[in-house]
């Protein structure tokens, strides 16, 4: 199965597709951070509150880093 890169928003080890939904979880202890996630194509996720643990090492700080890893995965 191939992967693609999806920009998401992380707070309290939960990932959201929309920044506004992630900001609703802010409580002053942690702030929303943009991340890039390698996601399996054709797989349904609850992208409005998925556990970051589910994606393991497929969460990256930069889009370029994520794309490099996804490209390598997809070409193997």
Protein backbone atom coordinates (compact mmCIF):
# COMPACT_ATOMS: atom_id res chain seq x y z
CA UNK A 1 0.00 0.00 0.00
CA UNK A 2 1.32 3.45 -0.90
CA UNK A 3 1.47 6.43 1.42
CA UNK A 4 0.96 10.16 0.98
CA UNK A 5 1.80 13.19 3.12
CA UNK A 6 -0.99 14.92 5.02
CA UNK A 7 -0.56 18.15 6.99
CA UNK A 8 -2.19 17.82 10.38
CA UNK A 9 -2.33 19.58 13.74
CA UNK A 10 -1.13 17.88 16.92
CA UNK A 11 -1.98 18.57 20.55
CA UNK A 12 -1.85 16.19 23.54
CA UNK A 13 -0.81 13.33 21.20
CA UNK A 14 -4.00 13.69 19.18
CA UNK A 15 -3.98 14.63 15.49
CA UNK A 16 -6.56 16.79 13.75
CA UNK A 17 -7.04 17.62 10.09
CA UNK A 18 -8.34 21.10 10.89
CA UNK A 19 -6.39 23.53 13.05
CA UNK A 20 -9.57 25.06 14.46
CA UNK A 21 -10.69 21.70 15.89
CA UNK A 22 -7.29 21.15 17.47
CA UNK A 23 -7.34 24.63 19.02
CA UNK A 24 -10.57 23.75 20.82
CA UNK A 25 -8.53 21.24 22.85
CA UNK A 26 -5.91 23.81 23.96
CA UNK A 27 -5.89 24.15 27.72
CA UNK A 28 -2.80 26.27 28.38
CA UNK A 29 -0.62 23.23 29.07
CA UNK A 30 0.17 22.57 25.43
CA UNK A 31 -0.29 24.43 22.15
CA UNK A 32 -1.27 23.16 18.72
CA UNK A 33 1.67 22.25 16.47
CA UNK A 34 1.68 21.67 12.73
CA UNK A 35 3.02 18.25 11.70
CA UNK A 36 3.19 16.21 8.51
CA UNK A 37 2.03 12.61 8.58
CA UNK A 38 2.65 9.69 6.23
CA UNK A 39 -0.80 8.19 5.72
CA UNK A 40 -1.79 4.99 3.91
CA UNK A 41 -3.82 5.58 0.75
CA UNK A 42 -7.38 4.28 0.72
CA UNK A 43 -7.56 3.87 4.48
CA UNK A 44 -10.20 5.65 6.51
CA UNK A 45 -9.04 7.55 9.55
CA UNK A 46 -10.85 9.80 11.97
CA UNK A 47 -8.70 12.75 10.98
CA UNK A 48 -10.47 14.94 13.51
CA UNK A 49 -9.10 13.23 16.56
CA UNK A 50 -6.82 10.30 15.72
CA UNK A 51 -4.26 9.14 18.27
CA UNK A 52 -0.73 10.16 17.28
CA UNK A 53 0.44 6.81 18.63
CA UNK A 54 -1.40 5.10 15.75
CA UNK A 55 0.98 6.70 13.21
CA UNK A 56 4.15 5.93 15.16
CA UNK A 57 7.28 7.07 13.34
CA UNK A 58 5.30 8.52 10.40
CA UNK A 59 4.92 11.95 12.04
CA UNK A 60 7.39 14.62 10.92
CA UNK A 61 8.09 18.26 11.74
CA UNK A 62 8.65 19.33 8.13
CA UNK A 63 6.85 18.54 4.92
CA UNK A 64 10.10 17.85 3.09
CA UNK A 65 11.21 15.31 5.69
CA UNK A 66 7.84 13.58 5.46
CA UNK A 67 7.84 13.57 1.66
CA UNK A 68 11.35 12.10 1.52
CA UNK A 69 10.35 9.21 3.78
CA UNK A 70 7.06 8.61 1.95
CA UNK A 71 8.81 8.63 -1.45
CA UNK A 72 11.38 6.14 -0.19
CA UNK A 73 8.62 3.90 1.20
CA UNK A 74 6.57 4.08 -2.00
CA UNK A 75 9.55 3.15 -4.21
CA UNK A 76 10.54 0.04 -2.26
